């Protein structure tokens, strides 16, 4: 099985529910908000995170903010981070993980 395959059955919110909840998601998670969640998808460009406490919120931590000596968190891992941006075009909350937030 391909490590980067999209997961099934992990409580991934349907895309229409994510879009319908987007205004509420942005209001609940302003830039700078600390979040905790579970890794629900791994791709070569980063990890998708189901954010705890906010229905239908999907976060994305992209590898561009990951130190080169670290690896992507595993599927199902609990991660923590902070909101750094809202991507309105695809209703994603951009997140920088705490473990990636260290001095260069």
N, C-alpha and C. Protein backbone atom coordinates (compact mmCIF):
# COMPACT_ATOMS: atom_id res chain seq x y z
N UNK A 1 0.84 -1.19 0.00
CA UNK A 1 0.00 0.00 0.00
C UNK A 1 0.88 1.25 0.00
N UNK A 2 0.54 2.18 -0.81
CA UNK A 2 1.28 3.43 -0.92
C UNK A 2 1.12 4.25 0.35
N UNK A 3 2.24 4.64 0.94
CA UNK A 3 2.23 5.43 2.18
C UNK A 3 1.45 6.73 2.02
N UNK A 4 1.43 7.29 0.83
CA UNK A 4 0.81 8.59 0.62
C UNK A 4 -0.61 8.51 0.07
N UNK A 5 -1.21 7.36 0.15
CA UNK A 5 -2.59 7.19 -0.31
C UNK A 5 -3.55 7.90 0.65
N UNK A 6 -4.62 8.46 0.10
CA UNK A 6 -5.60 9.15 0.94
C UNK A 6 -6.32 8.14 1.82
N UNK A 7 -6.46 8.41 3.11
CA UNK A 7 -7.07 7.44 4.03
C UNK A 7 -8.58 7.30 3.84
N UNK A 8 -9.08 6.16 4.24
CA UNK A 8 -10.52 5.93 4.23
C UNK A 8 -10.94 5.51 5.63
N UNK A 9 -12.12 5.95 6.05
CA UNK A 9 -12.65 5.51 7.33
C UNK A 9 -12.02 6.12 8.56
N UNK A 10 -11.32 7.22 8.42
CA UNK A 10 -10.69 7.85 9.58
C UNK A 10 -11.44 9.08 10.05
N UNK A 11 -12.70 9.17 9.69
CA UNK A 11 -13.47 10.33 10.11
C UNK A 11 -13.14 11.58 9.33
N UNK A 12 -12.63 11.41 8.12
CA UNK A 12 -12.34 12.56 7.27
C UNK A 12 -13.66 13.22 6.90
N UNK A 13 -13.82 14.51 7.22
CA UNK A 13 -15.10 15.16 6.90
C UNK A 13 -15.31 15.26 5.40
N UNK A 14 -16.55 15.08 4.94
CA UNK A 14 -16.85 15.23 3.51
C UNK A 14 -16.55 16.65 3.04
N UNK A 15 -16.09 16.78 1.80
CA UNK A 15 -15.70 18.10 1.29
C UNK A 15 -16.84 19.11 1.31
N UNK A 16 -18.07 18.66 1.07
CA UNK A 16 -19.18 19.62 1.10
C UNK A 16 -19.42 20.14 2.52
N UNK A 17 -19.22 19.30 3.53
CA UNK A 17 -19.37 19.74 4.92
C UNK A 17 -18.26 20.73 5.29
N UNK A 18 -17.05 20.49 4.79
CA UNK A 18 -15.93 21.40 5.05
C UNK A 18 -16.24 22.77 4.44
N UNK A 19 -16.72 22.79 3.20
CA UNK A 19 -17.05 24.07 2.54
C UNK A 19 -18.19 24.79 3.25
N UNK A 20 -19.23 24.06 3.64
CA UNK A 20 -20.38 24.69 4.31
C UNK A 20 -20.01 25.26 5.68
N UNK A 21 -19.01 24.69 6.32
CA UNK A 21 -18.60 25.13 7.65
C UNK A 21 -17.45 26.14 7.62
N UNK A 22 -16.99 26.53 6.44
CA UNK A 22 -15.78 27.33 6.33
C UNK A 22 -15.84 28.64 7.11
N UNK A 23 -16.91 29.39 7.02
CA UNK A 23 -17.00 30.68 7.73
C UNK A 23 -16.86 30.45 9.24
N UNK A 24 -17.53 29.44 9.76
CA UNK A 24 -17.45 29.12 11.18
C UNK A 24 -16.04 28.64 11.56
N UNK A 25 -15.41 27.89 10.67
CA UNK A 25 -14.05 27.40 10.93
C UNK A 25 -13.08 28.56 11.07
N UNK A 26 -13.13 29.50 10.13
CA UNK A 26 -12.23 30.66 10.17
C UNK A 26 -12.47 31.48 11.44
N UNK A 27 -13.73 31.65 11.81
CA UNK A 27 -14.05 32.40 13.03
C UNK A 27 -13.53 31.70 14.28
N UNK A 28 -13.60 30.38 14.30
CA UNK A 28 -13.16 29.60 15.47
C UNK A 28 -11.64 29.46 15.55
N UNK A 29 -10.97 29.62 14.41
CA UNK A 29 -9.52 29.38 14.35
C UNK A 29 -8.77 30.55 13.71
N UNK A 30 -8.76 31.71 14.36
CA UNK A 30 -8.02 32.84 13.78
C UNK A 30 -6.51 32.54 13.75
N UNK A 31 -5.81 33.25 12.90
CA UNK A 31 -4.36 33.11 12.81
C UNK A 31 -3.76 33.29 14.20
N UNK A 32 -2.85 32.39 14.55
CA UNK A 32 -2.20 32.41 15.86
C UNK A 32 -2.79 31.42 16.84
N UNK A 33 -3.96 30.89 16.55
CA UNK A 33 -4.62 29.93 17.45
C UNK A 33 -3.81 28.65 17.55
N UNK A 34 -3.64 28.17 18.77
CA UNK A 34 -3.00 26.87 19.00
C UNK A 34 -4.03 25.79 18.76
N UNK A 35 -3.62 24.72 18.05
CA UNK A 35 -4.53 23.63 17.73
C UNK A 35 -3.86 22.29 18.04
N UNK A 36 -4.71 21.29 18.25
CA UNK A 36 -4.29 19.91 18.41
C UNK A 36 -5.17 19.09 17.49
N UNK A 37 -4.61 18.05 16.93
CA UNK A 37 -5.41 17.21 16.04
C UNK A 37 -4.71 15.92 15.69
N UNK A 38 -5.35 15.16 14.82
CA UNK A 38 -4.84 13.86 14.40
C UNK A 38 -4.49 13.89 12.92
N UNK A 39 -3.35 13.30 12.57
CA UNK A 39 -2.94 13.21 11.18
C UNK A 39 -3.87 12.22 10.48
N UNK A 40 -4.59 12.72 9.46
CA UNK A 40 -5.55 11.87 8.73
C UNK A 40 -5.12 11.64 7.28
N UNK A 41 -4.03 12.26 6.87
CA UNK A 41 -3.54 12.07 5.51
C UNK A 41 -2.11 12.52 5.39
N UNK A 42 -1.33 11.74 4.65
CA UNK A 42 0.08 12.08 4.39
C UNK A 42 0.26 12.18 2.88
N UNK A 43 0.86 13.27 2.47
CA UNK A 43 1.20 13.47 1.06
C UNK A 43 2.65 13.93 1.02
N UNK A 44 3.24 13.89 -0.14
CA UNK A 44 4.65 14.31 -0.26
C UNK A 44 4.83 15.78 0.11
N UNK A 45 3.76 16.57 0.02
CA UNK A 45 3.85 18.00 0.31
C UNK A 45 3.48 18.36 1.75
N UNK A 46 3.02 17.39 2.56
CA UNK A 46 2.68 17.68 3.94
C UNK A 46 1.67 16.71 4.52
N UNK A 47 1.10 17.08 5.66
CA UNK A 47 0.12 16.21 6.33
C UNK A 47 -1.19 16.96 6.54
N UNK A 48 -2.29 16.22 6.37
CA UNK A 48 -3.62 16.75 6.65
C UNK A 48 -3.99 16.37 8.07
N UNK A 49 -4.64 17.30 8.77
CA UNK A 49 -4.93 17.14 10.19
C UNK A 49 -6.41 17.41 10.44
N UNK A 50 -7.06 16.49 11.14
CA UNK A 50 -8.43 16.74 11.63
C UNK A 50 -8.25 17.48 12.94
N UNK A 51 -8.74 18.71 13.00
CA UNK A 51 -8.51 19.59 14.15
C UNK A 51 -9.54 19.30 15.23
N UNK A 52 -9.05 19.02 16.43
CA UNK A 52 -9.93 18.74 17.57
C UNK A 52 -10.78 19.96 17.94
N UNK A 53 -12.03 19.70 18.25
CA UNK A 53 -12.91 20.73 18.79
C UNK A 53 -13.59 21.63 17.78
N UNK A 54 -13.29 21.45 16.49
CA UNK A 54 -13.91 22.28 15.46
C UNK A 54 -14.44 21.34 14.37
N UNK A 55 -15.75 21.16 14.34
CA UNK A 55 -16.34 20.25 13.38
C UNK A 55 -15.98 20.62 11.95
N UNK A 56 -15.65 19.62 11.18
CA UNK A 56 -15.38 19.75 9.75
C UNK A 56 -14.18 20.62 9.41
N UNK A 57 -13.28 20.86 10.36
CA UNK A 57 -12.08 21.64 10.09
C UNK A 57 -10.94 20.70 9.66
N UNK A 58 -10.31 21.03 8.55
CA UNK A 58 -9.17 20.26 8.06
C UNK A 58 -7.97 21.20 7.98
N UNK A 59 -6.88 20.79 8.62
CA UNK A 59 -5.66 21.57 8.58
C UNK A 59 -4.65 20.93 7.66
N UNK A 60 -3.70 21.72 7.19
CA UNK A 60 -2.61 21.22 6.37
C UNK A 60 -1.31 21.82 6.89
N UNK A 61 -0.38 20.95 7.25
CA UNK A 61 0.97 21.37 7.61
C UNK A 61 1.86 20.99 6.42
N UNK A 62 2.36 21.99 5.70
CA UNK A 62 3.15 21.76 4.50
C UNK A 62 4.64 21.62 4.84
N UNK A 63 5.34 20.84 4.03
CA UNK A 63 6.75 20.57 4.32
C UNK A 63 7.64 21.80 4.19
N UNK A 64 7.14 22.85 3.57
CA UNK A 64 7.93 24.07 3.43
C UNK A 64 8.32 24.67 4.77
N UNK A 65 7.57 24.37 5.82
CA UNK A 65 7.91 24.89 7.15
C UNK A 65 8.51 23.81 8.04
N UNK A 66 8.86 22.64 7.46
CA UNK A 66 9.42 21.53 8.24
C UNK A 66 10.95 21.57 8.15
N UNK A 67 11.64 21.51 9.29
CA UNK A 67 13.11 21.44 9.25
C UNK A 67 13.56 20.20 8.46
N UNK A 68 14.66 20.33 7.74
CA UNK A 68 15.13 19.27 6.85
C UNK A 68 15.52 17.98 7.58
N UNK A 69 15.82 18.06 8.86
CA UNK A 69 16.25 16.85 9.59
C UNK A 69 15.08 16.10 10.22
N UNK A 70 13.85 16.52 9.98
CA UNK A 70 12.67 15.84 10.53
C UNK A 70 11.90 15.12 9.43
N UNK A 71 11.01 14.22 9.84
CA UNK A 71 10.15 13.51 8.91
C UNK A 71 8.70 13.88 9.20
N UNK A 72 7.84 13.64 8.22
CA UNK A 72 6.42 13.88 8.41
C UNK A 72 5.88 13.00 9.53
N UNK A 73 4.95 13.51 10.34
CA UNK A 73 4.32 12.69 11.37
C UNK A 73 3.57 11.52 10.73
N UNK A 74 3.46 10.44 11.48
CA UNK A 74 2.79 9.22 10.99
C UNK A 74 1.28 9.39 10.97
N UNK A 75 0.63 8.57 10.17
CA UNK A 75 -0.84 8.52 10.16
C UNK A 75 -1.33 8.21 11.57
N UNK A 76 -2.35 8.92 12.01
CA UNK A 76 -2.93 8.69 13.32
C UNK A 76 -2.21 9.39 14.45
N UNK A 77 -1.07 10.02 14.18
CA UNK A 77 -0.32 10.71 15.23
C UNK A 77 -1.08 11.93 15.71
N UNK A 78 -1.01 12.20 17.00
CA UNK A 78 -1.56 13.45 17.53
C UNK A 78 -0.48 14.50 17.41
N UNK A 79 -0.85 15.65 16.86
CA UNK A 79 0.09 16.74 16.64
C UNK A 79 -0.48 18.03 17.20
N UNK A 80 0.40 18.97 17.45
CA UNK A 80 0.00 20.30 17.92
C UNK A 80 0.69 21.34 17.06
N UNK A 81 0.04 22.47 16.91
CA UNK A 81 0.63 23.54 16.11
C UNK A 81 -0.15 24.83 16.29
N UNK A 82 0.10 25.76 15.37
CA UNK A 82 -0.62 27.02 15.41
C UNK A 82 -1.07 27.37 13.99
N UNK A 83 -2.19 28.05 13.92
CA UNK A 83 -2.75 28.47 12.63
C UNK A 83 -1.89 29.60 12.08
N UNK A 84 -1.46 29.45 10.82
CA UNK A 84 -0.65 30.49 10.19
C UNK A 84 -1.33 31.13 8.99
N UNK A 85 -2.42 30.52 8.48
CA UNK A 85 -3.08 31.06 7.30
C UNK A 85 -4.39 30.33 7.07
N UNK A 86 -5.29 30.96 6.33
CA UNK A 86 -6.53 30.31 5.89
C UNK A 86 -6.54 30.30 4.37
N UNK A 87 -6.67 29.13 3.78
CA UNK A 87 -6.71 29.00 2.32
C UNK A 87 -8.16 28.92 1.89
N UNK A 88 -8.74 30.06 1.55
CA UNK A 88 -10.15 30.13 1.19
C UNK A 88 -10.50 29.29 -0.05
N UNK A 89 -9.58 29.21 -1.00
CA UNK A 89 -9.89 28.51 -2.26
C UNK A 89 -10.15 27.01 -2.07
N UNK A 90 -9.56 26.39 -1.03
CA UNK A 90 -9.82 24.97 -0.79
C UNK A 90 -10.21 24.66 0.66
N UNK A 91 -10.56 25.72 1.39
CA UNK A 91 -11.08 25.59 2.77
C UNK A 91 -10.15 24.81 3.68
N UNK A 92 -8.85 25.15 3.62
CA UNK A 92 -7.87 24.52 4.49
C UNK A 92 -7.30 25.53 5.47
N UNK A 93 -7.10 25.05 6.67
CA UNK A 93 -6.43 25.83 7.71
C UNK A 93 -4.96 25.45 7.65
N UNK A 94 -4.11 26.40 7.29
CA UNK A 94 -2.67 26.11 7.22
C UNK A 94 -2.10 26.15 8.64
N UNK A 95 -1.31 25.15 8.96
CA UNK A 95 -0.78 24.97 10.31
C UNK A 95 0.72 24.79 10.26
N UNK A 96 1.42 25.38 11.23
CA UNK A 96 2.84 25.09 11.45
C UNK A 96 2.91 24.27 12.73
N UNK A 97 3.45 23.08 12.63
CA UNK A 97 3.51 22.20 13.78
C UNK A 97 4.51 22.69 14.82
N UNK A 98 4.20 22.47 16.09
CA UNK A 98 5.06 22.90 17.18
C UNK A 98 6.46 22.30 17.02
N UNK A 99 6.53 21.02 16.66
CA UNK A 99 7.85 20.37 16.52
C UNK A 99 8.67 20.97 15.38
N UNK A 100 8.02 21.67 14.45
CA UNK A 100 8.73 22.31 13.36
C UNK A 100 9.10 23.76 13.68
N UNK A 101 8.59 24.28 14.78
CA UNK A 101 8.75 25.69 15.13
C UNK A 101 9.94 25.85 16.08
N UNK A 102 11.11 25.84 15.50
CA UNK A 102 12.31 25.96 16.31
C UNK A 102 13.29 26.88 15.60
N UNK A 103 14.20 27.46 16.35
CA UNK A 103 15.16 28.37 15.73
C UNK A 103 16.04 27.63 14.70
N UNK A 104 16.40 28.32 13.67
CA UNK A 104 17.25 27.73 12.61
C UNK A 104 18.66 27.53 13.08
